[in-house]
Protein backbone atom coordinates (compact mmCIF):
# COMPACT_ATOMS: atom_id res chain seq x y z
CA MET A 1 217.82 -4.34 34.24
CA PRO A 2 217.62 -1.29 36.56
CA GLN A 3 214.27 -0.43 38.06
CA GLY A 4 213.00 3.08 38.83
CA SER A 5 213.00 4.57 42.29
CA VAL A 6 210.22 3.72 44.70
CA SER A 7 207.99 6.59 45.79
CA PHE A 8 205.68 6.90 48.77
CA LYS A 9 202.76 6.66 46.34
CA ASP A 10 204.05 3.23 45.25
CA VAL A 11 203.67 1.83 48.78
CA THR A 12 200.45 3.58 49.81
CA VAL A 13 196.84 2.43 49.76
CA ASP A 14 194.35 5.29 49.85
CA PHE A 15 190.84 4.50 51.13
CA THR A 16 187.79 6.70 50.76
CA PRO A 17 185.84 7.36 53.98
CA GLU A 18 183.19 4.92 52.75
CA GLU A 19 185.76 2.18 52.09
CA TRP A 20 187.35 2.81 55.50
CA GLU A 21 184.02 2.23 57.24
CA HIS A 22 183.85 -1.29 55.74
CA LEU A 23 187.11 -2.32 57.46
CA ASP A 24 186.97 -3.99 60.86
CA LEU A 25 189.21 -2.89 63.74
CA ALA A 26 191.90 -5.48 62.99
CA GLN A 27 192.08 -4.37 59.34
CA LYS A 28 192.31 -0.70 60.32
CA SER A 29 195.07 -1.51 62.81
CA LEU A 30 196.99 -3.51 60.21
CA TYR A 31 196.63 -0.64 57.72
CA ARG A 32 198.01 1.85 60.25
CA ASP A 33 200.95 -0.42 61.11
CA VAL A 34 201.84 -1.08 57.46
CA MET A 35 201.53 2.54 56.31
CA LEU A 36 203.63 3.83 59.22
CA GLU A 37 206.22 1.10 58.66
CA ASN A 38 206.40 1.82 54.92
CA TYR A 39 206.92 5.52 55.59
CA CYS A 40 209.63 4.82 58.20
CA HIS A 41 211.45 2.45 55.82
CA LEU A 42 211.49 5.04 53.04
CA VAL A 43 212.79 7.72 55.41
CA SER A 44 215.47 5.34 56.74
CA VAL A 45 216.90 4.81 53.24
CA GLY A 46 217.09 8.54 52.55
CA PHE A 47 213.71 9.29 50.99
CA HIS A 48 213.11 13.00 51.58
CA MET A 49 209.65 14.52 51.61
CA ALA A 50 207.41 16.49 53.91
CA LYS A 51 205.53 14.14 56.22
CA PRO A 52 202.16 13.46 54.59
CA ASP A 53 199.06 14.51 56.51
CA MET A 54 197.89 10.89 56.38
CA ILE A 55 201.01 9.77 58.29
CA ARG A 56 200.50 12.49 60.91
CA LYS A 57 196.90 11.40 61.39
CA LEU A 58 197.85 7.73 61.70
CA GLU A 59 200.54 8.59 64.26
CA GLN A 60 197.89 10.41 66.32
CA GLY A 61 195.44 7.50 66.08
CA GLU A 62 193.07 9.39 63.77
CA GLU A 63 191.43 8.16 60.61
CA PRO A 64 193.80 8.57 57.65
CA TRP A 65 191.53 10.26 55.14
CA THR A 66 190.79 13.91 54.69
CA THR A 67 188.77 15.82 52.13
CA GLU A 68 191.91 15.86 50.00
CA ARG A 69 193.70 12.75 48.84
CA ILE A 70 197.35 12.18 49.61
CA PHE A 71 198.50 13.13 46.14
CA PRO A 72 197.72 16.44 44.40
CA GLY A 73 195.05 16.30 41.75
CA GLN A 74 193.09 13.48 43.40
CA LEU A 75 190.25 15.04 45.38
CA TYR A 76 187.30 13.51 47.16
CA LEU A 77 183.97 15.11 46.51
CA ALA A 78 182.52 15.90 49.89
CA GLY A 79 178.91 14.79 49.91
């Protein structure tokens, strides 16, 4: 039975700033490696999309979250 296409959202974990702070350095490093690898795999099989801000931040060694979530319609409330 055919399955639907995989999207970037399907292979992404999105942490809040508070959740991110509970991760240790090894967990943050693993997250960066896995998210960058997932993105590269999707691009290598022809997945076309603008590079998400989260991927740019991870490539630059920054924290992945912003005031806006990766996907439209999902916003953090800045406190």
